[in-house]
Amino acid sequence: IFSTVDALASLAPDLISVTYGAGGTSRDNTVEIASEIQNSYNIPAVAHLTCVGSTKEQMDGILSELKKRGVKNILALRGDLADGDSTGDFKYASELISFIKARYDFKIFAACYPEKHLEAYSLEEDLQRLREKTECGADFLISQLFFDNNLFYDFREMARECGINIPIIAGIMPITSPSQITRMVSMCGASVPEKVQRIIRAYGHNSMAMKEAGIAYATAQIVDLLANGVDGIHLYTMNQPDIAKRISENIRGILYSLRVKRG
């Protein structure tokens, strides 16, 4: 994992997030890795925490350890429920956010879903749950992956209209293989537009071509998002730092232009 962090650190990212395993497994690894990123690399780390299987006592212990080690950012999630899993003492991410805000001074990130959460009845209902997260103390939102920027723009507009005013960071996952996109889409419910399906049909049989096409498509998404004033980009690299490097190189001039403009 630290060879991945070494490569990502050279890109000077604003943040590096550290995920949980399924059902809240690898908690200890999350604490160790987030601490190392924060203290040894001097890059702000975002430690994922999920409700699944967690008691208040366990969560308090993890949060205390993260605070002691200097980690300042938490991504608070309900987590995916596998067969036999329970949410523990926290049923919803909003409850976990309230628990953290009442006891600690972490910056809290929360998840949002441009095409709604799989379990939500409608996008409107999902936005109401999202507003609850912000009212409970979420400071930033990171979106689930999407492949159609117009869906993100529509979602962002609806979020603002219903009173969600915190930054919304766009989550982008470059497509590297047909099996990867099938797995991720089944987990999060993101739609695959026809233009992406054409890319998969044309290049999916060749791993090198598929990776190149995926990087090109993600780059085009990001260029468009930046032109439309997105609050930030979160790359789901899946421990493939070369993808982040390639995309960063592709948009180096754009990023420089934006920094100069803001400066």
Protein backbone atom coordinates (compact mmCIF):
# COMPACT_ATOMS: atom_id res chain seq x y z
CA ILE A 1 0.00 0.00 0.00
CA PHE A 2 2.80 2.42 0.74
CA SER A 3 4.30 2.02 -2.72
CA THR A 4 0.93 3.31 -3.92
CA VAL A 5 1.07 6.19 -1.44
CA ASP A 6 4.64 6.99 -2.54
CA ALA A 7 3.45 7.37 -6.12
CA LEU A 8 0.37 9.39 -5.20
CA ALA A 9 2.36 11.69 -2.91
CA SER A 10 4.42 12.90 -5.86
CA LEU A 11 1.21 14.40 -7.32
CA ALA A 12 0.72 16.63 -4.23
CA PRO A 13 -2.93 15.69 -3.72
CA ASP A 14 -5.12 17.70 -1.34
CA LEU A 15 -6.24 14.47 0.34
CA ILE A 16 -5.76 10.70 0.22
CA SER A 17 -8.65 8.55 1.41
CA VAL A 18 -8.22 5.19 3.12
CA THR A 19 -11.06 2.68 2.78
CA TYR A 20 -12.48 0.00 5.02
CA GLY A 21 -12.78 -3.63 4.08
CA ALA A 22 -16.22 -5.18 3.64
CA GLY A 23 -18.32 -5.19 6.80
CA GLY A 24 -15.87 -2.93 8.62
CA THR A 25 -12.94 -5.33 8.42
CA SER A 26 -9.39 -3.95 8.30
CA ARG A 27 -10.29 -1.15 10.76
CA ASP A 28 -6.87 -1.32 12.37
CA ASN A 29 -5.18 -1.10 8.96
CA THR A 30 -7.25 1.99 8.16
CA VAL A 31 -6.03 3.71 11.33
CA GLU A 32 -2.40 2.73 10.69
CA ILE A 33 -2.38 3.74 7.03
CA ALA A 34 -4.24 7.02 7.58
CA SER A 35 -1.84 7.90 10.39
CA GLU A 36 1.20 7.16 8.23
CA ILE A 37 -0.13 9.28 5.34
CA GLN A 38 -0.91 12.16 7.70
CA ASN A 39 2.34 12.13 9.67
CA SER A 40 5.05 10.63 7.48
CA TYR A 41 3.91 12.01 4.13
CA ASN A 42 2.37 15.24 5.48
CA ILE A 43 -0.65 14.75 3.25
CA PRO A 44 -4.11 15.11 4.83
CA ALA A 45 -5.66 11.65 5.17
CA VAL A 46 -9.38 10.88 5.11
CA ALA A 47 -10.14 7.77 7.15
CA HIS A 48 -13.29 5.87 6.18
CA LEU A 49 -15.56 4.82 9.05
CA THR A 50 -18.70 2.74 8.62
CA CYS A 51 -21.69 2.01 10.81
CA VAL A 52 -21.74 -1.69 9.92
CA GLY A 53 -21.04 -3.82 12.98
CA SER A 54 -19.82 -0.91 15.11
CA THR A 55 -20.80 -0.17 18.70
CA LYS A 56 -20.51 3.33 20.16
CA GLU A 57 -17.67 2.12 22.38
CA GLN A 58 -15.74 0.70 19.43
CA MET A 59 -16.30 3.84 17.38
CA ASP A 60 -15.20 6.06 20.25
CA GLY A 61 -12.02 4.04 20.56
CA ILE A 62 -11.23 4.34 16.84
CA LEU A 63 -11.95 8.06 16.80
CA SER A 64 -9.81 8.65 19.88
CA GLU A 65 -6.93 6.78 18.26
CA LEU A 66 -7.27 8.72 15.01
CA LYS A 67 -7.30 12.01 16.91
CA LYS A 68 -4.26 10.99 18.97
CA ARG A 69 -2.40 10.21 15.75
CA GLY A 70 -3.22 13.56 14.16
CA VAL A 71 -5.76 12.42 11.54
CA LYS A 72 -8.22 15.26 11.03
CA ASN A 73 -10.66 14.01 8.37
CA ILE A 74 -13.33 11.29 8.45
CA LEU A 75 -15.53 9.90 5.68
CA ALA A 76 -18.63 8.75 7.59
CA LEU A 77 -20.56 5.99 5.83
CA ARG A 78 -23.29 3.54 6.66
CA GLY A 79 -21.39 0.86 4.75
CA ASP A 80 -22.59 -1.96 2.53
CA LEU A 81 -24.61 -4.62 4.29
CA ALA A 82 -23.66 -8.16 3.34
CA ASP A 83 -25.81 -11.16 4.30
CA GLY A 84 -25.90 -11.44 8.09
CA ASP A 85 -24.46 -7.96 8.70
CA SER A 86 -26.08 -5.46 11.04
CA THR A 87 -25.49 -1.75 11.35
CA GLY A 88 -24.67 -1.97 15.06
CA ASP A 89 -25.40 1.08 17.22
CA PHE A 90 -25.60 3.36 14.21
CA LYS A 91 -28.37 2.74 11.71
CA TYR A 92 -27.58 5.61 9.34
CA ALA A 93 -24.53 7.66 8.40
CA SER A 94 -26.32 10.74 9.79
CA GLU A 95 -26.30 9.12 13.25
CA LEU A 96 -22.57 8.46 12.98
CA ILE A 97 -21.98 12.06 11.87
CA SER A 98 -23.93 13.40 14.87
CA PHE A 99 -21.95 11.12 17.20
CA ILE A 100 -18.62 12.36 15.83
CA LYS A 101 -19.61 16.04 15.83
CA ALA A 102 -20.77 15.90 19.45
CA ARG A 103 -17.42 14.55 20.67
CA TYR A 104 -14.66 15.54 18.26
CA ASP A 105 -13.50 18.30 15.93
CA PHE A 106 -12.88 16.20 12.80
CA LYS A 107 -13.78 17.54 9.38
CA ILE A 108 -16.47 15.15 8.17
CA PHE A 109 -16.98 14.01 4.60
CA ALA A 110 -20.17 12.17 3.61
CA ALA A 111 -21.25 10.24 0.53
CA CYS A 112 -23.79 11.38 -2.04
CA TYR A 113 -25.30 9.61 -5.04
CA PRO A 114 -25.96 11.54 -8.27
CA GLU A 115 -28.28 8.74 -9.41
CA LYS A 116 -29.63 8.07 -5.88
CA HIS A 117 -28.70 5.37 -3.43
CA LEU A 118 -29.74 1.88 -4.50
CA GLU A 119 -32.08 1.59 -1.49
CA ALA A 120 -33.77 4.99 -1.92
CA TYR A 121 -37.26 5.16 -3.44
CA SER A 122 -36.44 8.29 -5.43
CA LEU A 123 -33.74 10.89 -5.91
CA GLU A 124 -35.92 13.42 -4.08
CA GLU A 125 -36.17 11.14 -1.05
CA ASP A 126 -32.43 10.49 -1.20
CA LEU A 127 -31.74 14.24 -1.23
CA GLN A 128 -33.80 14.65 1.94
CA ARG A 129 -31.61 12.04 3.65
CA LEU A 130 -28.57 13.86 2.30
CA ARG A 131 -29.75 17.14 3.75
CA GLU A 132 -30.06 15.39 7.11
CA LYS A 133 -26.38 14.48 6.86
CA THR A 134 -25.47 18.13 6.32
CA GLU A 135 -27.71 19.24 9.19
CA CYS A 136 -25.99 16.70 11.44
CA GLY A 137 -22.62 18.26 10.66
CA ALA A 138 -21.14 16.97 7.38
CA ASP A 139 -18.64 19.50 6.02
CA PHE A 140 -18.08 18.08 2.50
CA LEU A 141 -19.78 15.61 0.17
CA ILE A 142 -18.02 13.12 -2.12
CA SER A 143 -20.13 11.64 -4.89
CA GLN A 144 -20.38 8.05 -5.95
CA LEU A 145 -18.88 7.36 -9.36
CA PHE A 146 -20.80 8.42 -12.46
CA PHE A 147 -20.12 8.37 -16.20
CA ASP A 148 -22.51 11.08 -17.40
CA ASN A 149 -21.61 14.58 -16.19
CA ASN A 150 -25.10 15.88 -16.91
CA LEU A 151 -26.43 13.58 -14.20
CA PHE A 152 -24.00 15.17 -11.76
CA TYR A 153 -24.96 18.71 -12.81
CA ASP A 154 -28.67 17.93 -12.43
CA PHE A 155 -28.02 16.39 -9.02
CA ARG A 156 -25.92 19.38 -7.91
CA GLU A 157 -28.67 21.81 -8.92
CA MET A 158 -31.32 19.79 -7.07
CA ALA A 159 -29.09 19.61 -3.99
CA ARG A 160 -28.65 23.38 -3.94
CA GLU A 161 -32.38 23.90 -4.42
CA CYS A 162 -33.17 21.78 -1.36
CA GLY A 163 -30.73 23.67 0.85
CA ILE A 164 -27.55 21.61 0.61
CA ASN A 165 -24.82 24.26 0.39
CA ILE A 166 -21.60 22.48 1.40
CA PRO A 167 -18.99 21.60 -1.25
CA ILE A 168 -19.86 18.63 -3.49
CA ILE A 169 -16.77 16.78 -4.75
CA ALA A 170 -17.21 14.70 -7.90
CA GLY A 171 -16.10 11.07 -7.67
CA ILE A 172 -14.52 9.79 -10.89
CA MET A 173 -13.48 6.20 -11.53
CA PRO A 174 -11.48 5.56 -14.72
CA ILE A 175 -12.64 2.39 -16.45
CA THR A 176 -9.78 -0.10 -16.70
CA SER A 177 -11.61 -3.34 -17.54
CA PRO A 178 -15.11 -4.61 -18.38
CA SER A 179 -15.19 -6.76 -15.24
CA GLN A 180 -14.31 -3.77 -13.08
CA ILE A 181 -17.17 -1.65 -14.37
CA THR A 182 -19.64 -4.56 -14.08
CA ARG A 183 -18.65 -5.10 -10.46
CA MET A 184 -18.75 -1.44 -9.46
CA VAL A 185 -22.02 -0.68 -11.23
CA SER A 186 -23.70 -3.65 -9.55
CA MET A 187 -22.55 -2.33 -6.17
CA CYS A 188 -23.51 1.33 -6.56
CA GLY A 189 -26.23 1.40 -9.22
CA ALA A 190 -24.52 3.88 -11.54
CA SER A 191 -25.80 3.83 -15.11
CA VAL A 192 -23.51 3.13 -18.06
CA PRO A 193 -24.31 5.44 -21.00
CA GLU A 194 -24.22 4.15 -24.55
CA LYS A 195 -20.97 5.97 -25.35
CA VAL A 196 -19.23 4.11 -22.50
CA GLN A 197 -20.74 0.82 -23.64
CA ARG A 198 -19.35 1.47 -27.13
CA ILE A 199 -15.88 2.00 -25.65
CA ILE A 200 -16.14 -1.29 -23.77
CA ARG A 201 -17.32 -3.15 -26.86
CA ALA A 202 -14.51 -1.68 -28.96
CA TYR A 203 -11.61 -2.07 -26.54
CA GLY A 204 -12.69 -4.43 -23.77
CA HIS A 205 -10.92 -7.41 -25.34
CA ASN A 206 -7.55 -5.64 -25.10
CA SER A 207 -6.45 -4.66 -21.59
CA MET A 208 -3.97 -2.00 -22.73
CA ALA A 209 -6.44 -0.37 -25.11
CA MET A 210 -9.20 -0.49 -22.48
CA LYS A 211 -7.01 1.21 -19.91
CA GLU A 212 -5.99 3.93 -22.38
CA ALA A 213 -9.60 4.53 -23.36
CA GLY A 214 -10.68 4.63 -19.70
CA ILE A 215 -8.04 7.23 -18.86
CA ALA A 216 -9.05 9.30 -21.88
CA TYR A 217 -12.75 9.17 -20.94
CA ALA A 218 -12.08 10.08 -17.29
CA THR A 219 -9.84 12.95 -18.41
CA ALA A 220 -12.61 14.30 -20.64
CA GLN A 221 -15.08 14.08 -17.74
CA ILE A 222 -12.72 15.99 -15.46
CA VAL A 223 -11.98 18.71 -18.03
CA ASP A 224 -15.71 19.29 -18.40
CA LEU A 225 -16.31 19.25 -14.63
CA LEU A 226 -13.56 21.80 -14.03
CA ALA A 227 -14.99 24.03 -16.74
CA ASN A 228 -18.34 23.87 -14.96
CA GLY A 229 -17.03 24.95 -11.57
CA VAL A 230 -16.93 21.65 -9.71
CA ASP A 231 -15.89 21.96 -6.05
CA GLY A 232 -13.27 19.22 -6.40
CA ILE A 233 -12.41 15.89 -7.99
CA HIS A 234 -11.97 12.64 -6.06
CA LEU A 235 -10.25 9.97 -8.15
CA TYR A 236 -11.13 6.38 -7.32
CA THR A 237 -7.74 4.93 -8.28
CA MET A 238 -8.25 1.47 -6.70
CA ASN A 239 -4.54 1.42 -5.75
CA GLN A 240 -3.44 2.11 -9.33
CA PRO A 241 -1.37 5.29 -8.95
CA ASP A 242 -0.22 5.24 -12.58
CA ILE A 243 -3.80 6.11 -13.58
CA ALA A 244 -3.80 9.16 -11.28
CA LYS A 245 -0.41 10.18 -12.69
CA ARG A 246 -1.59 9.93 -16.28
CA ILE A 247 -4.72 11.96 -15.63
CA SER A 248 -2.78 14.56 -13.67
CA GLU A 249 -0.35 14.92 -16.55
CA ASN A 250 -3.22 15.22 -19.02
CA ILE A 251 -4.72 18.20 -17.19
CA ARG A 252 -1.54 19.81 -15.84
CA GLY A 253 -2.00 22.97 -17.91
CA ILE A 254 -5.65 23.29 -16.87
CA LEU A 255 -4.82 22.92 -13.19
CA TYR A 256 -2.06 25.52 -13.51
CA SER A 257 -4.48 27.89 -15.24
CA LEU A 258 -7.04 27.48 -12.46
CA ARG A 259 -4.43 28.08 -9.75
CA VAL A 260 -3.25 31.26 -11.47
CA LYS A 261 -6.84 32.48 -11.85
CA ARG A 262 -7.61 31.84 -8.18
CA GLY A 263 -4.30 33.36 -7.09
